[in-house]
N, C-alpha and C. Protein backbone atom coordinates (compact mmCIF):
# COMPACT_ATOMS: atom_id res chain seq x y z
N UNK A 1 41.20 -14.26 40.23
CA UNK A 1 39.88 -13.44 40.05
C UNK A 1 40.04 -13.12 41.08
N UNK A 2 39.93 -13.77 42.57
CA UNK A 2 39.90 -13.78 43.84
C UNK A 2 41.03 -12.46 44.23
N UNK A 3 42.01 -12.27 43.14
CA UNK A 3 43.27 -11.05 43.21
C UNK A 3 43.26 -9.95 42.66
N UNK A 4 42.39 -9.99 41.35
CA UNK A 4 41.62 -8.50 40.96
C UNK A 4 40.68 -7.99 41.10
N UNK A 5 40.11 -9.22 42.08
CA UNK A 5 38.70 -8.41 42.90
C UNK A 5 38.80 -7.82 44.33
N UNK A 6 39.92 -8.41 44.78
CA UNK A 6 40.65 -7.31 45.57
C UNK A 6 40.97 -5.78 45.46
N UNK A 7 42.11 -6.42 44.47
CA UNK A 7 42.64 -5.02 43.89
C UNK A 7 41.88 -4.27 43.64
N UNK A 8 40.45 -4.26 42.95
CA UNK A 8 39.78 -3.86 43.11
C UNK A 8 39.24 -3.08 44.33
N UNK A 9 38.93 -3.75 44.80
CA UNK A 9 38.52 -2.95 45.64
C UNK A 9 39.62 -2.45 46.82
N UNK A 10 40.29 -2.84 47.04
CA UNK A 10 41.61 -2.01 47.43
C UNK A 10 42.29 -1.05 46.89
N UNK A 11 41.67 -0.22 45.87
CA UNK A 11 42.40 0.22 44.97
C UNK A 11 43.97 -0.05 44.60
N UNK A 12 44.44 -0.94 44.27
CA UNK A 12 44.64 -1.25 43.64
C UNK A 12 45.46 -0.78 41.77
N UNK A 13 45.50 0.06 41.04
CA UNK A 13 45.85 0.43 40.23
C UNK A 13 46.62 -0.49 39.27
N UNK A 14 47.19 0.60 39.95
CA UNK A 14 48.93 -0.31 39.49
C UNK A 14 48.65 -2.23 38.78
N UNK A 15 48.14 -2.94 39.97
CA UNK A 15 48.34 -4.61 39.89
C UNK A 15 46.90 -5.20 38.95
N UNK A 16 46.27 -3.89 39.22
CA UNK A 16 45.33 -4.03 37.55
C UNK A 16 45.24 -4.37 36.29
N UNK A 17 46.21 -3.07 36.03
CA UNK A 17 46.58 -2.72 35.07
C UNK A 17 47.75 -3.69 34.08
N UNK A 18 48.24 -4.09 35.75
CA UNK A 18 49.75 -4.67 35.53
C UNK A 18 49.00 -6.57 34.93
N UNK A 19 47.53 -6.81 35.60
CA UNK A 19 47.39 -8.67 35.83
C UNK A 19 46.33 -8.71 34.28
N UNK A 20 46.52 -7.36 33.43
CA UNK A 20 45.24 -7.56 32.87
C UNK A 20 45.63 -7.41 30.97
N UNK A 21 45.00 -8.94 30.37
CA UNK A 21 45.81 -9.47 29.18
C UNK A 21 45.62 -7.95 28.22
N UNK A 22 47.31 -8.35 27.28
CA UNK A 22 47.24 -7.23 26.43
C UNK A 22 46.56 -7.54 25.64
N UNK A 23 45.22 -8.10 25.32
CA UNK A 23 44.19 -8.39 24.30
C UNK A 23 43.18 -8.09 24.67
N UNK A 24 42.90 -7.99 26.53
CA UNK A 24 41.10 -7.63 26.76
C UNK A 24 40.63 -6.22 26.29
N UNK A 25 39.70 -6.81 25.87
CA UNK A 25 38.59 -5.02 25.86
C UNK A 25 38.95 -4.07 26.76
N UNK A 26 38.98 -4.16 27.97
CA UNK A 26 39.67 -3.41 29.26
C UNK A 26 40.43 -2.52 29.13
N UNK A 27 41.74 -2.75 28.25
CA UNK A 27 42.75 -1.96 28.21
C UNK A 27 43.07 -1.39 27.50
N UNK A 28 43.60 -0.22 27.92
CA UNK A 28 43.40 1.17 26.62
C UNK A 28 45.09 1.60 26.48
N UNK A 29 44.96 1.93 25.55
CA UNK A 29 46.15 2.52 25.40
C UNK A 29 46.82 3.54 25.56
N UNK A 30 45.81 4.37 26.64
CA UNK A 30 47.07 5.35 26.90
C UNK A 30 46.39 5.55 28.56
N UNK A 31 48.25 4.87 29.15
CA UNK A 31 47.83 4.20 30.40
C UNK A 31 47.43 4.84 31.45
N UNK A 32 47.80 6.35 30.94
CA UNK A 32 47.30 7.73 31.78
C UNK A 32 46.18 7.71 32.03
N UNK A 33 45.37 7.81 31.21
CA UNK A 33 44.01 8.39 31.03
C UNK A 33 43.14 6.48 30.86
N UNK A 34 44.03 5.35 30.92
CA UNK A 34 43.19 4.44 31.83
C UNK A 34 42.92 3.65 33.17
N UNK A 35 44.53 4.55 33.71
CA UNK A 35 44.61 4.84 35.28
C UNK A 35 43.68 5.64 35.73
N UNK A 36 43.06 6.80 34.81
CA UNK A 36 42.45 8.05 35.95
C UNK A 36 40.97 7.33 35.63
N UNK A 37 40.74 6.51 34.89
CA UNK A 37 38.93 5.48 34.74
C UNK A 37 39.09 4.69 35.47
N UNK A 38 39.93 4.34 35.89
CA UNK A 38 39.74 3.17 36.47
C UNK A 38 40.13 3.98 38.09
N UNK A 39 40.85 4.55 38.37
CA UNK A 39 40.88 5.35 40.10
C UNK A 39 39.77 5.52 39.73
N UNK A 40 38.33 6.09 38.95
CA UNK A 40 37.67 6.74 38.93
C UNK A 40 36.37 5.61 39.40
N UNK A 41 36.87 4.80 38.93
CA UNK A 41 35.36 3.52 39.35
C UNK A 41 36.08 2.65 40.52
N UNK A 42 36.87 2.53 41.09
CA UNK A 42 37.27 1.59 42.41
C UNK A 42 36.96 3.12 43.45
N UNK A 43 36.99 4.29 43.25
CA UNK A 43 36.01 5.78 43.47
C UNK A 43 34.70 5.47 44.30
N UNK A 44 33.69 5.64 42.55
CA UNK A 44 32.83 5.07 42.72
C UNK A 44 31.62 3.80 42.81
N UNK A 45 32.81 3.14 43.20
CA UNK A 45 31.45 1.46 43.34
C UNK A 45 32.04 0.59 44.56
N UNK A 46 31.22 0.22 44.66
CA UNK A 46 30.98 -0.37 46.36
C UNK A 46 31.22 -1.96 46.02
N UNK A 47 32.22 -2.45 46.42
CA UNK A 47 33.04 -4.19 47.04
C UNK A 47 32.07 -4.96 47.22
N UNK A 48 30.85 -4.94 47.44
CA UNK A 48 30.48 -6.09 49.03
C UNK A 48 30.43 -7.46 49.00
N UNK A 49 31.28 -8.13 48.14
CA UNK A 49 32.12 -9.37 48.00
C UNK A 49 32.61 -10.19 46.73
N UNK A 50 32.62 -11.42 46.65
CA UNK A 50 33.06 -12.01 45.34
C UNK A 50 33.27 -13.65 46.05
N UNK A 51 32.52 -14.07 44.95
CA UNK A 51 32.53 -15.84 44.80
C UNK A 51 32.16 -16.71 43.66
N UNK A 52 33.44 -17.03 43.41
CA UNK A 52 33.91 -18.28 42.78
C UNK A 52 33.10 -19.30 42.40
N UNK A 53 32.13 -19.11 42.26
CA UNK A 53 31.11 -20.57 41.69
C UNK A 53 31.64 -22.27 41.32
N UNK A 54 32.69 -21.70 39.98
CA UNK A 54 33.19 -22.50 39.45
C UNK A 54 34.66 -22.24 38.41
N UNK A 55 35.43 -23.10 38.58
CA UNK A 55 36.31 -22.99 37.41
C UNK A 55 36.17 -24.61 36.49
N UNK A 56 37.53 -23.40 35.09
CA UNK A 56 37.37 -24.55 34.45
C UNK A 56 38.69 -24.80 33.58
N UNK A 57 39.48 -26.11 33.71
CA UNK A 57 40.61 -25.33 32.94
C UNK A 57 40.80 -26.56 31.59
N UNK A 58 41.14 -25.95 30.05
CA UNK A 58 41.19 -26.65 29.01
C UNK A 58 42.83 -26.47 28.12
N UNK A 59 43.60 -27.34 28.81
CA UNK A 59 44.80 -26.94 27.91
C UNK A 59 45.61 -25.07 28.50
N UNK A 60 45.75 -24.30 28.15
CA UNK A 60 46.05 -23.20 28.14
C UNK A 60 44.99 -21.97 28.66
N UNK A 61 44.13 -22.76 28.43
CA UNK A 61 42.97 -21.74 28.85
C UNK A 61 41.88 -22.00 30.17
N UNK A 62 41.02 -20.67 30.57
CA UNK A 62 40.45 -21.49 31.93
C UNK A 62 38.81 -20.34 31.79
N UNK A 63 38.43 -21.14 32.76
CA UNK A 63 37.38 -20.38 32.88
C UNK A 63 36.50 -20.05 34.36
N UNK A 64 36.60 -19.10 34.93
CA UNK A 64 35.53 -18.91 36.54
C UNK A 64 34.44 -18.57 36.35
N UNK A 65 33.82 -18.32 36.66
CA UNK A 65 31.65 -18.66 36.97
C UNK A 65 32.07 -17.52 38.50
N UNK A 66 31.45 -16.20 38.17
CA UNK A 66 31.77 -16.16 39.71
C UNK A 66 30.07 -15.48 40.38
N UNK A 67 30.42 -14.89 41.15
CA UNK A 67 29.62 -13.48 42.02
C UNK A 67 30.15 -12.86 42.43
N UNK A 68 29.93 -11.13 41.61
CA UNK A 68 30.82 -10.07 42.02
C UNK A 68 29.29 -9.09 42.36
N UNK A 69 29.17 -8.94 44.05
CA UNK A 69 28.48 -7.59 44.77
C UNK A 69 29.49 -6.63 44.77
């Protein structure tokens, strides 16, 4: 969670794309178009902080509760 938030905040689009699960609804089939969407998002978003409130692991699945500003 922290590494992806930092990647968004620092504009590390390649890392965001590489670490997005293949079944994620945020993933796009057209990588070039997806990259441009992400670039616009990070250019127009002010990242002020991330607080991880809790984590939970159950076998191969995990959950994170967080607050992002």
